[in-house]
Amino acid sequence: MKTNNIIRDSIIFGFAFFAVFFGAGNLIFPPSIGFASGSEWSIALVGFVLTGIVLPLLALIAVLNAGGKFERLTNPISPWFHKAFNLICMVFIAMLVTVPRTAATTHEIGVHTLFPDFPVSGTMIIFFGLNYYFAMDKSNLLDKVGRFLTPALFAILLFIVLKGTFDPVGEPIQTNLENSFSHAFIGAYQTGDVFTGLLCASVFMAAIVDKGYTKSTDMRKIVINGTVIAGIGLLIVYGGLLYLGAEGSGLFPKDIESTALLTSLINQLLGNYGTVSLAVAVSLACLTTAIGITAAIADFLSQLTKNKISYKTWVILICISGVSVGLLGVENIINFSLPLFLGLYPISILLVFLGIFRKYIPNAGAYKGSIILTLLISLFETLGAFGMNVSFANEWISRIPLSGVGFAWLLPAIIGFIVGAVINNLVSKNDKYGMDINPVNHD
């Protein structure tokens, strides 16, 4: 394969990676994190970049190391693990959080800005009516529209970022936030992009192979180059928006909602015309995002049920749940979904690291031990976050190093890794499921 083709296709796939991770519904998080961090915005930026940019892109490389398939990455844990993980992410994150959040964001940033008196119920009905129509149609119309929407939205946001940098709306002030890094690191869980990286990586790998890159060395070049390009784009947009939020830390009340903060900042920066432009672009981009995710969920669930529950039925159920949850509003969706992310994200982060360092992992026991203890800690933290009485567990967890900054799972994961590897060596020289640690070699 010629070098110039690799460079060209690296750019193409880099923009593709960017488009998948760059969800319009995620735009509300960087400004709110910057707003809460104030003068410590640079520390918060490091935390957000790690969770919102670096780890999602490393997820692609982790799956690449496993031969380009997520199920091979998780196979040392158990052959059924990837199905369970997919199911949980599809239902509890994509169906009950991401899709309705795009609709609520459309209302609060888009429709409410353009038509202040329009009821949220009307937005939900119209939004999911269009969502149902296009998800059922499965035409490429929305794909074509999306190709223009993402660059258009990026252009608007790039202009906003540049203007906010060189013509700031205010000066970041000192806030009362205790730990800007962990607040941003955990706050970026809400983007859900590590899930996206793990679950969408196989599609990207297949597309790269379809382009003619059958050698593993060429695939690796495309993926690594593409992740660098996508990372730069995400850093410009997310980093700029986070700094813009920090600039507004002294301008608005501390309890301002995320969507109101974003629209207020844009209004301060660009006036009504800028706010209207962003409202239109975000609304259309949220709709295309919701349609794509709805189709993916319905496809997965219909296949999982062996079409006993049809694709059409799943689309209807997704739209009904979307209307119900979307009516809660963005801030309430964020609040009730945070425990879900607290429970699932540590496992996702661990899977990324297991994939990145795959060839150095001694056996399948290391996988099992680290995942089991991480899952146990995450489960108790999730129950506690939902208000369930697990005081005995929470008291024990609070004594674990780094628990105060949101990383209670880290030390147990390391201990589980070591203990699991040792037990595996003592019990059996051969892994039950087989490590299969080397990536597929197409050379």
Protein backbone atom coordinates (compact mmCIF):
# COMPACT_ATOMS: atom_id res chain seq x y z
CA MET A 1 0.00 0.00 0.00
CA LYS A 2 1.49 3.36 -1.01
CA THR A 3 2.49 5.79 1.70
CA ASN A 4 0.40 8.61 0.22
CA ASN A 5 -2.70 6.37 0.41
CA ILE A 6 -2.01 5.64 4.09
CA ILE A 7 -1.70 9.37 4.80
CA ARG A 8 -4.91 10.13 2.88
CA ASP A 9 -6.89 7.35 4.52
CA SER A 10 -5.47 8.19 7.96
CA ILE A 11 -7.00 11.65 7.55
CA ILE A 12 -10.32 10.17 6.35
CA PHE A 13 -10.53 7.75 9.28
CA GLY A 14 -9.30 10.43 11.68
CA PHE A 15 -12.29 12.58 10.74
CA ALA A 16 -14.53 9.50 11.02
CA PHE A 17 -13.24 8.80 14.55
CA PHE A 18 -13.79 12.45 15.43
CA ALA A 19 -17.36 12.43 14.07
CA VAL A 20 -18.32 9.36 16.13
CA PHE A 21 -16.89 10.69 19.40
CA PHE A 22 -17.99 14.27 18.78
CA GLY A 23 -21.59 14.00 19.95
CA ALA A 24 -23.61 17.20 19.94
CA GLY A 25 -25.19 16.18 23.24
CA ASN A 26 -21.73 16.15 24.85
CA LEU A 27 -21.15 19.86 24.29
CA ILE A 28 -22.80 20.78 27.58
CA PHE A 29 -20.19 19.03 29.74
CA PRO A 30 -16.91 20.90 29.04
CA PRO A 31 -18.36 24.38 29.77
CA SER A 32 -20.00 23.20 33.01
CA ILE A 33 -16.75 21.56 34.16
CA GLY A 34 -14.78 24.70 33.30
CA PHE A 35 -17.39 26.83 35.07
CA ALA A 36 -17.11 24.75 38.26
CA SER A 37 -13.29 24.75 38.11
CA GLY A 38 -12.80 28.47 37.45
CA SER A 39 -9.15 29.50 37.78
CA GLU A 40 -8.14 25.82 38.11
CA TRP A 41 -9.46 25.13 34.60
CA SER A 42 -6.08 23.83 33.37
CA ILE A 43 -6.08 21.06 36.02
CA ALA A 44 -9.67 20.23 35.11
CA LEU A 45 -8.71 20.13 31.43
CA VAL A 46 -6.17 17.39 32.14
CA GLY A 47 -8.83 15.28 33.87
CA PHE A 48 -11.38 15.84 31.11
CA VAL A 49 -8.87 15.10 28.34
CA LEU A 50 -7.91 11.79 29.94
CA THR A 51 -11.49 10.51 30.24
CA GLY A 52 -13.13 12.34 27.35
CA ILE A 53 -10.41 12.07 24.70
CA VAL A 54 -7.40 9.87 25.52
CA LEU A 55 -9.20 6.82 26.95
CA PRO A 56 -11.86 6.68 24.18
CA LEU A 57 -9.15 6.78 21.52
CA LEU A 58 -7.02 4.24 23.37
CA ALA A 59 -10.11 1.99 23.35
CA LEU A 60 -9.74 1.73 19.57
CA ILE A 61 -6.13 0.62 19.93
CA ALA A 62 -7.09 -1.81 22.70
CA VAL A 63 -9.56 -3.55 20.39
CA LEU A 64 -7.02 -3.43 17.55
CA ASN A 65 -4.57 -5.31 19.81
CA ALA A 66 -7.22 -8.01 20.20
CA GLY A 67 -7.47 -8.57 16.47
CA GLY A 68 -10.06 -5.87 15.86
CA LYS A 69 -12.93 -7.55 17.73
CA PHE A 70 -14.32 -6.54 21.12
CA GLU A 71 -15.35 -10.12 21.92
CA ARG A 72 -11.72 -11.25 21.57
CA LEU A 73 -10.67 -8.52 23.98
CA THR A 74 -13.08 -9.82 26.63
CA ASN A 75 -12.84 -13.54 25.83
CA PRO A 76 -10.29 -14.26 28.61
CA ILE A 77 -12.91 -13.02 31.11
CA SER A 78 -15.70 -15.18 29.69
CA PRO A 79 -17.15 -15.89 26.23
CA TRP A 80 -20.46 -14.34 27.30
CA PHE A 81 -18.98 -11.16 28.78
CA HIS A 82 -19.10 -9.09 25.58
CA LYS A 83 -22.80 -9.84 25.09
CA ALA A 84 -23.64 -8.88 28.67
CA PHE A 85 -21.55 -5.72 28.46
CA ASN A 86 -23.15 -4.74 25.14
CA LEU A 87 -26.63 -5.38 26.49
CA ILE A 88 -26.08 -3.28 29.61
CA CYS A 89 -24.52 -0.41 27.64
CA MET A 90 -27.19 -0.51 24.93
CA VAL A 91 -30.14 -0.52 27.35
CA PHE A 92 -29.00 1.41 30.43
CA ILE A 93 -26.70 3.92 28.74
CA ALA A 94 -27.69 4.33 25.09
CA MET A 95 -31.44 3.70 25.33
CA LEU A 96 -32.21 5.26 28.72
CA VAL A 97 -29.62 8.05 28.81
CA THR A 98 -27.96 9.01 25.53
CA VAL A 99 -30.97 9.03 23.21
CA PRO A 100 -33.35 10.91 25.55
CA ARG A 101 -30.54 13.31 26.49
CA THR A 102 -30.10 14.30 22.85
CA ALA A 103 -33.83 15.08 22.70
CA ALA A 104 -33.73 17.09 25.95
CA THR A 105 -30.64 18.95 24.72
CA THR A 106 -32.46 19.73 21.46
CA HIS A 107 -35.28 21.31 23.42
CA GLU A 108 -33.18 23.28 25.90
CA ILE A 109 -30.48 24.55 23.53
CA GLY A 110 -32.41 24.50 20.25
CA VAL A 111 -36.17 24.72 20.43
CA HIS A 112 -36.40 26.75 23.64
CA THR A 113 -33.88 29.25 22.25
CA LEU A 114 -35.83 29.69 19.01
CA PHE A 115 -39.36 29.33 20.46
CA PRO A 116 -39.26 30.08 24.21
CA ASP A 117 -42.93 29.20 24.80
CA PHE A 118 -42.92 25.87 22.95
CA PRO A 119 -43.70 23.02 25.41
CA VAL A 120 -41.11 20.33 26.07
CA SER A 121 -43.74 17.64 25.43
CA GLY A 122 -44.21 19.00 21.91
CA THR A 123 -40.47 18.83 21.26
CA MET A 124 -40.32 15.23 22.50
CA ILE A 125 -43.21 14.11 20.30
CA ILE A 126 -41.83 15.78 17.17
CA PHE A 127 -38.24 14.70 17.88
CA PHE A 128 -39.09 11.04 18.39
CA GLY A 129 -41.61 11.08 15.57
CA LEU A 130 -38.77 12.08 13.22
CA ASN A 131 -36.47 9.64 15.00
CA TYR A 132 -38.94 6.79 14.37
CA TYR A 133 -39.48 7.76 10.73
CA PHE A 134 -35.81 7.90 9.78
CA ALA A 135 -34.75 4.92 11.92
CA MET A 136 -37.42 2.83 10.19
CA ASP A 137 -36.60 4.18 6.75
CA LYS A 138 -32.94 3.20 7.03
CA SER A 139 -32.22 5.42 4.04
CA ASN A 140 -28.90 7.13 3.60
CA LEU A 141 -30.52 10.59 3.68
CA LEU A 142 -29.50 11.24 7.26
CA ASP A 143 -26.00 9.91 6.57
CA LYS A 144 -25.65 12.49 3.81
CA VAL A 145 -27.08 15.24 5.99
CA GLY A 146 -24.79 14.20 8.83
CA ARG A 147 -21.75 14.57 6.61
CA PHE A 148 -22.55 18.25 6.30
CA LEU A 149 -23.84 18.79 9.84
CA THR A 150 -20.73 17.64 11.68
CA PRO A 151 -18.36 19.90 9.68
CA ALA A 152 -20.84 22.79 9.99
CA LEU A 153 -21.18 22.35 13.75
CA PHE A 154 -17.40 21.99 14.09
CA ALA A 155 -16.90 25.22 12.09
CA ILE A 156 -19.35 27.11 14.36
CA LEU A 157 -17.70 25.74 17.50
CA LEU A 158 -14.20 26.48 16.18
CA PHE A 159 -15.24 30.08 15.63
CA ILE A 160 -16.72 30.19 19.15
CA VAL A 161 -13.54 28.72 20.65
CA LEU A 162 -11.25 31.14 18.80
CA LYS A 163 -13.38 34.17 19.68
CA GLY A 164 -13.66 33.04 23.30
CA THR A 165 -9.87 32.65 23.48
CA PHE A 166 -8.89 35.97 21.91
CA ASP A 167 -11.90 37.99 23.08
CA PRO A 168 -12.80 36.45 26.46
CA VAL A 169 -16.19 37.06 28.04
CA GLY A 170 -14.61 37.28 31.51
CA GLU A 171 -11.79 36.14 33.77
CA PRO A 172 -11.77 32.73 35.50
CA ILE A 173 -12.22 33.14 39.26
CA GLN A 174 -11.37 30.99 42.25
CA THR A 175 -14.19 28.55 43.03
CA ASN A 176 -14.84 26.32 46.02
CA LEU A 177 -14.33 23.08 44.08
CA GLU A 178 -12.16 20.76 46.17
CA ASN A 179 -10.55 18.66 43.46
CA SER A 180 -10.77 19.99 39.91
CA PHE A 181 -8.98 16.99 38.42
CA SER A 182 -11.22 14.25 39.81
CA HIS A 183 -14.34 16.38 39.24
CA ALA A 184 -13.44 16.70 35.56
CA PHE A 185 -12.20 13.11 35.21
CA ILE A 186 -15.43 11.67 36.61
CA GLY A 187 -17.61 14.36 35.01
CA ALA A 188 -16.33 13.32 31.59
CA TYR A 189 -17.79 9.85 32.23
CA GLN A 190 -21.07 11.40 31.07
CA THR A 191 -19.78 11.66 27.50
CA GLY A 192 -19.90 7.84 27.37
CA ASP A 193 -17.14 7.86 24.78
CA VAL A 194 -15.08 5.02 26.25
CA PHE A 195 -18.13 2.80 25.66
CA THR A 196 -18.31 4.19 22.12
CA GLY A 197 -14.66 3.40 21.49
CA LEU A 198 -14.93 -0.18 22.74
CA LEU A 199 -18.21 -1.02 21.01
CA CYS A 200 -17.63 0.79 17.69
CA ALA A 201 -14.00 -0.22 17.21
CA SER A 202 -14.91 -3.45 15.39
CA VAL A 203 -16.89 -1.47 12.80
CA PHE A 204 -13.91 0.82 12.20
CA MET A 205 -11.50 -2.12 11.88
CA ALA A 206 -13.78 -3.81 9.34
CA ALA A 207 -13.98 -0.57 7.35
CA ILE A 208 -10.19 -0.28 7.32
CA VAL A 209 -9.89 -3.85 6.03
CA ASP A 210 -12.51 -3.08 3.34
CA LYS A 211 -10.26 -0.24 2.20
CA GLY A 212 -7.64 -2.84 1.38
CA TYR A 213 -5.46 -2.62 4.49
CA THR A 214 -5.17 -6.30 5.32
CA LYS A 215 -1.68 -6.15 6.86
CA SER A 216 -1.68 -5.60 10.60
CA THR A 217 1.16 -3.07 10.33
CA ASP A 218 -0.82 -0.92 7.88
CA MET A 219 -3.99 -1.19 10.00
CA ARG A 220 -2.03 -0.04 13.03
CA LYS A 221 -0.65 2.97 11.16
CA ILE A 222 -4.15 3.99 10.05
CA VAL A 223 -5.62 3.61 13.56
CA ILE A 224 -2.78 5.41 15.37
CA ASN A 225 -2.63 8.24 12.83
CA GLY A 226 -6.42 8.52 12.89
CA THR A 227 -6.57 8.69 16.68
CA VAL A 228 -3.98 11.50 16.71
CA ILE A 229 -6.03 13.50 14.18
CA ALA A 230 -9.29 12.88 16.06
CA GLY A 231 -7.60 13.71 19.37
CA ILE A 232 -6.41 17.09 18.08
CA GLY A 233 -9.92 17.96 16.86
CA LEU A 234 -11.55 16.91 20.13
CA LEU A 235 -8.96 18.80 22.17
CA ILE A 236 -9.61 22.01 20.24
CA VAL A 237 -13.40 21.79 20.67
CA TYR A 238 -13.68 20.35 24.17
CA GLY A 239 -10.68 22.26 25.53
CA GLY A 240 -11.92 25.54 24.08
CA LEU A 241 -15.41 25.04 25.49
CA LEU A 242 -14.02 24.12 28.91
CA TYR A 243 -11.94 27.32 28.95
CA LEU A 244 -14.97 29.32 27.81
CA GLY A 245 -16.89 27.91 30.79
CA ALA A 246 -14.05 28.96 33.11
CA GLU A 247 -14.26 32.50 31.68
CA GLY A 248 -17.89 32.61 32.76
CA SER A 249 -17.22 31.38 36.31
CA GLY A 250 -17.73 34.88 37.70
CA LEU A 251 -20.64 35.87 35.46
CA PHE A 252 -23.46 33.47 36.33
CA PRO A 253 -24.99 31.97 39.49
CA LYS A 254 -23.34 28.77 40.74
CA ASP A 255 -26.51 26.71 40.30
CA ILE A 256 -27.03 27.55 36.61
CA GLU A 257 -27.96 24.47 34.58
CA SER A 258 -25.56 23.08 31.97
CA THR A 259 -27.62 23.94 28.90
CA ALA A 260 -28.47 27.43 30.20
CA LEU A 261 -24.76 28.02 30.85
CA LEU A 262 -23.80 27.10 27.28
CA THR A 263 -26.47 29.25 25.63
CA SER A 264 -25.73 32.17 27.98
CA LEU A 265 -22.01 32.00 27.21
CA ILE A 266 -22.67 31.94 23.46
CA ASN A 267 -25.09 34.84 23.79
CA GLN A 268 -22.46 36.83 25.69
CA LEU A 269 -19.86 35.99 23.08
CA LEU A 270 -21.78 36.26 19.79
CA GLY A 271 -25.17 37.73 20.57
CA ASN A 272 -28.50 36.44 19.30
CA TYR A 273 -27.27 35.43 15.85
CA GLY A 274 -24.59 33.18 17.31
CA THR A 275 -27.05 31.64 19.76
CA VAL A 276 -29.57 30.93 16.99
CA SER A 277 -26.88 29.39 14.73
CA LEU A 278 -25.72 27.10 17.52
CA ALA A 279 -29.34 26.20 18.38
CA VAL A 280 -30.09 25.09 14.81
CA ALA A 281 -26.81 23.18 14.37
CA VAL A 282 -27.02 21.40 17.74
CA SER A 283 -30.68 20.44 17.21
CA LEU A 284 -30.05 18.85 13.81
CA ALA A 285 -26.85 17.16 14.97
CA CYS A 286 -28.63 15.74 18.06
CA LEU A 287 -31.37 14.35 15.83
CA THR A 288 -28.93 12.57 13.50
CA THR A 289 -27.06 11.21 16.53
CA ALA A 290 -30.28 9.88 18.06
CA ILE A 291 -31.34 8.22 14.79
CA GLY A 292 -28.00 6.46 14.40
CA ILE A 293 -27.97 5.25 18.01
CA THR A 294 -31.62 4.14 17.85
CA ALA A 295 -30.92 2.05 14.73
CA ALA A 296 -27.85 0.48 16.37
CA ILE A 297 -29.76 -0.40 19.57
CA ALA A 298 -32.71 -1.84 17.66
CA ASP A 299 -30.42 -3.88 15.42
CA PHE A 300 -28.53 -5.31 18.40
CA LEU A 301 -31.62 -6.13 20.47
CA SER A 302 -33.54 -7.68 17.57
CA GLN A 303 -30.57 -9.94 16.81
CA LEU A 304 -30.16 -10.76 20.51
CA THR A 305 -33.80 -11.87 20.70
CA LYS A 306 -33.42 -13.71 17.36
CA ASN A 307 -36.09 -11.40 15.87
CA LYS A 308 -38.75 -12.65 18.31
CA ILE A 309 -39.01 -8.95 19.10
CA SER A 310 -38.64 -7.21 15.75
CA TYR A 311 -36.49 -4.25 14.80
CA LYS A 312 -39.63 -2.11 14.37
CA THR A 313 -40.90 -3.00 17.84
CA TRP A 314 -37.56 -2.07 19.40
CA VAL A 315 -37.55 1.28 17.57
CA ILE A 316 -41.03 2.00 18.97
CA LEU A 317 -39.96 1.02 22.50
CA ILE A 318 -36.84 3.19 22.24
CA CYS A 319 -38.92 6.16 21.10
CA ILE A 320 -41.49 5.68 23.89
CA SER A 321 -38.78 5.46 26.56
CA GLY A 322 -37.03 8.43 24.92
CA VAL A 323 -40.12 10.61 25.26
CA SER A 324 -40.65 9.54 28.89
CA VAL A 325 -37.05 10.13 30.00
CA GLY A 326 -36.55 13.19 27.78
CA LEU A 327 -39.37 14.99 29.62
CA LEU A 328 -37.20 14.96 32.76
CA GLY A 329 -34.83 17.52 31.25
CA VAL A 330 -31.08 17.43 30.72
CA GLU A 331 -30.06 18.19 34.32
CA ASN A 332 -32.28 15.47 35.79
CA ILE A 333 -31.06 12.95 33.22
CA ILE A 334 -27.47 13.79 34.17
CA ASN A 335 -28.26 13.39 37.86
CA PHE A 336 -29.99 10.00 37.63
CA SER A 337 -27.50 8.60 35.10
CA LEU A 338 -24.35 9.47 37.07
CA PRO A 339 -24.56 6.35 39.29
CA LEU A 340 -24.82 4.22 36.12
CA PHE A 341 -21.65 5.76 34.74
CA LEU A 342 -19.91 5.41 38.11
CA GLY A 343 -20.71 1.70 38.00
CA LEU A 344 -19.80 0.96 34.39
CA TYR A 345 -16.95 3.32 33.58
CA PRO A 346 -14.27 1.77 35.83
CA ILE A 347 -14.87 -1.57 34.09
CA SER A 348 -14.58 0.10 30.69
CA ILE A 349 -11.36 1.88 31.67
CA LEU A 350 -9.93 -1.40 32.95
CA LEU A 351 -10.83 -3.12 29.66
CA VAL A 352 -8.97 -0.40 27.77
CA PHE A 353 -5.81 -0.94 29.82
CA LEU A 354 -6.10 -4.72 29.55
CA GLY A 355 -6.29 -4.32 25.78
CA ILE A 356 -3.43 -1.82 25.55
CA PHE A 357 -1.07 -4.05 27.56
CA ARG A 358 -2.57 -7.29 26.26
CA LYS A 359 0.67 -8.97 25.25
CA TYR A 360 2.18 -8.44 28.72
CA ILE A 361 -0.72 -10.04 30.62
CA PRO A 362 0.33 -13.47 31.93
CA ASN A 363 -2.97 -15.36 31.79
CA ALA A 364 -6.75 -15.17 31.80
CA GLY A 365 -6.82 -15.25 35.62
CA ALA A 366 -5.39 -11.73 35.66
CA TYR A 367 -8.34 -10.57 33.56
CA LYS A 368 -10.89 -12.32 35.75
CA GLY A 369 -9.43 -11.17 39.07
CA SER A 370 -9.16 -7.51 38.11
CA ILE A 371 -12.63 -7.40 36.56
CA ILE A 372 -14.31 -9.18 39.50
CA LEU A 373 -12.92 -6.84 42.17
CA THR A 374 -13.53 -3.74 40.04
CA LEU A 375 -17.10 -4.87 39.41
CA LEU A 376 -17.63 -5.49 43.13
CA ILE A 377 -16.42 -2.02 44.13
CA SER A 378 -18.38 -0.36 41.32
CA LEU A 379 -21.56 -2.23 42.27
CA PHE A 380 -21.49 -1.04 45.88
CA GLU A 381 -20.65 2.52 44.84
CA THR A 382 -23.55 2.49 42.37
CA LEU A 383 -26.00 1.19 44.99
CA GLY A 384 -24.81 3.85 47.40
CA ALA A 385 -25.17 6.58 44.76
CA PHE A 386 -28.78 5.44 44.20
CA GLY A 387 -29.40 5.93 47.92
CA MET A 388 -29.55 2.26 48.92
CA ASN A 389 -28.33 1.44 52.42
CA VAL A 390 -24.98 -0.30 52.01
CA SER A 391 -23.21 1.56 54.81
CA PHE A 392 -21.01 -1.40 55.77
CA ALA A 393 -19.62 -1.61 52.24
CA ASN A 394 -19.28 2.15 51.81
CA GLU A 395 -17.38 2.43 55.08
CA TRP A 396 -14.97 -0.26 53.91
CA ILE A 397 -14.61 1.31 50.47
CA SER A 398 -13.94 4.75 51.98
CA ARG A 399 -10.77 3.35 53.58
CA ILE A 400 -9.32 2.29 50.22
CA PRO A 401 -6.57 4.65 48.97
CA LEU A 402 -7.78 7.16 46.34
CA SER A 403 -11.44 6.49 47.17
CA GLY A 404 -11.88 10.14 48.10
CA VAL A 405 -11.10 11.24 44.54
CA GLY A 406 -13.23 8.63 42.77
CA PHE A 407 -10.67 5.89 42.19
CA ALA A 408 -11.63 3.37 44.88
CA TRP A 409 -11.59 0.67 42.20
CA LEU A 410 -7.96 1.15 41.15
CA LEU A 411 -6.10 -0.63 43.97
CA PRO A 412 -8.59 -3.56 44.06
CA ALA A 413 -8.16 -3.92 40.29
CA ILE A 414 -4.38 -4.20 40.72
CA ILE A 415 -4.75 -6.67 43.61
CA GLY A 416 -7.29 -8.71 41.64
CA PHE A 417 -4.93 -8.76 38.66
CA ILE A 418 -2.05 -10.15 40.74
CA VAL A 419 -4.11 -12.61 42.79
CA GLY A 420 -6.02 -13.82 39.73
CA ALA A 421 -2.80 -14.43 37.79
CA VAL A 422 -1.25 -16.37 40.70
CA ILE A 423 -4.34 -18.52 41.28
CA ASN A 424 -4.57 -19.27 37.56
CA ASN A 425 -0.96 -20.48 37.53
CA LEU A 426 -1.54 -22.67 40.59
CA VAL A 427 -4.79 -24.19 39.35
CA SER A 428 -4.00 -24.79 35.72
CA LYS A 429 -1.23 -24.20 33.26
CA ASN A 430 -3.77 -23.84 30.47
CA ASP A 431 -6.36 -21.08 30.50
CA LYS A 432 -9.88 -22.45 30.23
CA TYR A 433 -10.86 -19.93 27.58
CA GLY A 434 -7.40 -19.24 26.22
CA MET A 435 -5.68 -15.91 26.25
CA ASP A 436 -5.24 -15.62 22.48
CA ILE A 437 -3.20 -12.55 23.35
CA ASN A 438 -1.64 -11.85 19.97
CA PRO A 439 -3.55 -9.77 17.43
CA VAL A 440 -4.56 -11.39 14.18
CA ASN A 441 -1.58 -11.18 11.86
CA HIS A 442 -2.57 -10.44 8.29
CA ASP A 443 0.99 -10.07 7.02
